[in-house]
Amino acid sequence: MDIGPVHLFHARVVADNGLQAIEALRAGRAADMKVVLRPQNGEHYRIYLADAPDDNLPLIPSPLGLPGYNDPS
């Protein structure tokens, strides 16, 4: 199912391989480098539809009900 473009947001993100990425950038070897970003403390990203109108209300988590995925509370 294609839901269209989304935005991903979190205020506290950690790069799993951040030091290696910085070293690769400094050495000029980062062209194919992938950086893995994770929210801190086991929290979840906020994902919202890019084309949805902004109603100025806070983002409230919606359970997805996907097998093997723990929905945020």
C-alpha atoms as a PDB file:
ATOM      1  CA  MET A   1       0.000   0.000   0.000  1.00  0.00           C
ATOM      2  CA  ASP A   2       1.468   3.350  -1.025  1.00  0.00           C
ATOM      3  CA  ILE A   3       0.518   6.046   1.496  1.00  0.00           C
ATOM      4  CA  GLY A   4       2.597   8.749  -0.168  1.00  0.00           C
ATOM      5  CA  PRO A   5       5.510  10.738   1.247  1.00  0.00           C
ATOM      6  CA  VAL A   6       6.042  10.872   5.006  1.00  0.00           C
ATOM      7  CA  HIS A   7       8.198  12.865   7.400  1.00  0.00           C
ATOM      8  CA  LEU A   8      10.237  11.175  10.125  1.00  0.00           C
ATOM      9  CA  PHE A   9      11.014  13.039  13.345  1.00  0.00           C
ATOM     10  CA  HIS A  10      12.686  12.542  16.709  1.00  0.00           C
ATOM     11  CA  ALA A  11      14.408  15.103  18.930  1.00  0.00           C
ATOM     12  CA  ARG A  12      17.070  12.726  20.345  1.00  0.00           C
ATOM     13  CA  VAL A  13      18.734  10.506  17.746  1.00  0.00           C
ATOM     14  CA  VAL A  14      22.002   8.569  18.014  1.00  0.00           C
ATOM     15  CA  ALA A  15      24.114   7.454  15.042  1.00  0.00           C
ATOM     16  CA  ASP A  16      25.154   3.824  15.666  1.00  0.00           C
ATOM     17  CA  ASN A  17      28.217   4.231  13.468  1.00  0.00           C
ATOM     18  CA  GLY A  18      28.694   7.982  13.849  1.00  0.00           C
ATOM     19  CA  LEU A  19      32.425   7.913  14.598  1.00  0.00           C
ATOM     20  CA  GLN A  20      33.126   5.676  11.601  1.00  0.00           C
ATOM     21  CA  ALA A  21      31.061   7.993   9.385  1.00  0.00           C
ATOM     22  CA  ILE A  22      33.003  11.061  10.546  1.00  0.00           C
ATOM     23  CA  GLU A  23      36.321   9.269   9.944  1.00  0.00           C
ATOM     24  CA  ALA A  24      35.167   8.244   6.447  1.00  0.00           C
ATOM     25  CA  LEU A  25      34.119  11.836   5.666  1.00  0.00           C
ATOM     26  CA  ARG A  26      37.484  13.191   6.782  1.00  0.00           C
ATOM     27  CA  ALA A  27      39.314  10.583   4.705  1.00  0.00           C
ATOM     28  CA  GLY A  28      37.148  11.202   1.620  1.00  0.00           C
ATOM     29  CA  ARG A  29      35.731   7.642   1.701  1.00  0.00           C
ATOM     30  CA  ALA A  30      32.107   8.320   2.661  1.00  0.00           C
ATOM     31  CA  ALA A  31      30.445   8.169  -0.782  1.00  0.00           C
ATOM     32  CA  ASP A  32      28.812   4.753  -0.168  1.00  0.00           C
ATOM     33  CA  MET A  33      28.635   5.039   3.625  1.00  0.00           C
ATOM     34  CA  LYS A  34      25.301   4.424   5.328  1.00  0.00           C
ATOM     35  CA  VAL A  35      24.649   5.884   8.766  1.00  0.00           C
ATOM     36  CA  VAL A  36      22.198   4.070  11.048  1.00  0.00           C
ATOM     37  CA  LEU A  37      20.150   6.509  13.153  1.00  0.00           C
ATOM     38  CA  ARG A  38      18.121   5.374  16.180  1.00  0.00           C
ATOM     39  CA  PRO A  39      16.007   7.273  18.700  1.00  0.00           C
ATOM     40  CA  GLN A  40      17.551   7.283  22.174  1.00  0.00           C
ATOM     41  CA  ASN A  41      16.283   5.162  25.068  1.00  0.00           C
ATOM     42  CA  GLY A  42      14.333   2.716  22.885  1.00  0.00           C
ATOM     43  CA  GLU A  43      11.840   5.409  21.940  1.00  0.00           C
ATOM     44  CA  HIS A  44      10.054   5.515  18.576  1.00  0.00           C
ATOM     45  CA  TYR A  45      10.243   7.893  15.636  1.00  0.00           C
ATOM     46  CA  ARG A  46       7.232  10.066  14.908  1.00  0.00           C
ATOM     47  CA  ILE A  47       6.092   9.531  11.328  1.00  0.00           C
ATOM     48  CA  TYR A  48       3.441  11.695   9.734  1.00  0.00           C
ATOM     49  CA  LEU A  49       2.048  12.162   6.256  1.00  0.00           C
ATOM     50  CA  ALA A  50       3.747  14.925   4.290  1.00  0.00           C
ATOM     51  CA  ASP A  51       0.579  15.939   2.451  1.00  0.00           C
ATOM     52  CA  ALA A  52      -1.762  15.919   5.479  1.00  0.00           C
ATOM     53  CA  PRO A  53      -3.032  19.328   6.554  1.00  0.00           C
ATOM     54  CA  ASP A  54      -1.493  20.701   9.758  1.00  0.00           C
ATOM     55  CA  ASP A  55      -4.236  21.127  12.343  1.00  0.00           C
ATOM     56  CA  ASN A  56      -1.775  22.425  14.989  1.00  0.00           C
ATOM     57  CA  LEU A  57      -2.667  19.525  17.291  1.00  0.00           C
ATOM     58  CA  PRO A  58       0.052  17.404  18.946  1.00  0.00           C
ATOM     59  CA  LEU A  59       1.116  14.223  17.165  1.00  0.00           C
ATOM     60  CA  ILE A  60      -0.552  11.274  18.907  1.00  0.00           C
ATOM     61  CA  PRO A  61       0.821   7.741  18.291  1.00  0.00           C
ATOM     62  CA  SER A  62      -1.526   5.433  16.385  1.00  0.00           C
ATOM     63  CA  PRO A  63      -1.105   1.677  16.858  1.00  0.00           C
ATOM     64  CA  LEU A  64      -0.150  -0.062  13.623  1.00  0.00           C
ATOM     65  CA  GLY A  65      -0.876  -3.622  14.769  1.00  0.00           C
ATOM     66  CA  LEU A  66       2.010  -5.083  12.736  1.00  0.00           C
ATOM     67  CA  PRO A  67       3.229  -8.583  13.658  1.00  0.00           C
ATOM     68  CA  GLY A  68       6.598  -8.454  15.448  1.00  0.00           C
ATOM     69  CA  TYR A  69       6.410  -4.698  16.078  1.00  0.00           C
ATOM     70  CA  ASN A  70       5.749  -3.230  19.507  1.00  0.00           C
ATOM     71  CA  ASP A  71       3.532  -0.213  19.006  1.00  0.00           C
ATOM     72  CA  PRO A  72       4.458   2.914  20.985  1.00  0.00           C
ATOM     73  CA  SER A  73       2.286   3.609  23.994  1.00  0.00           C
END
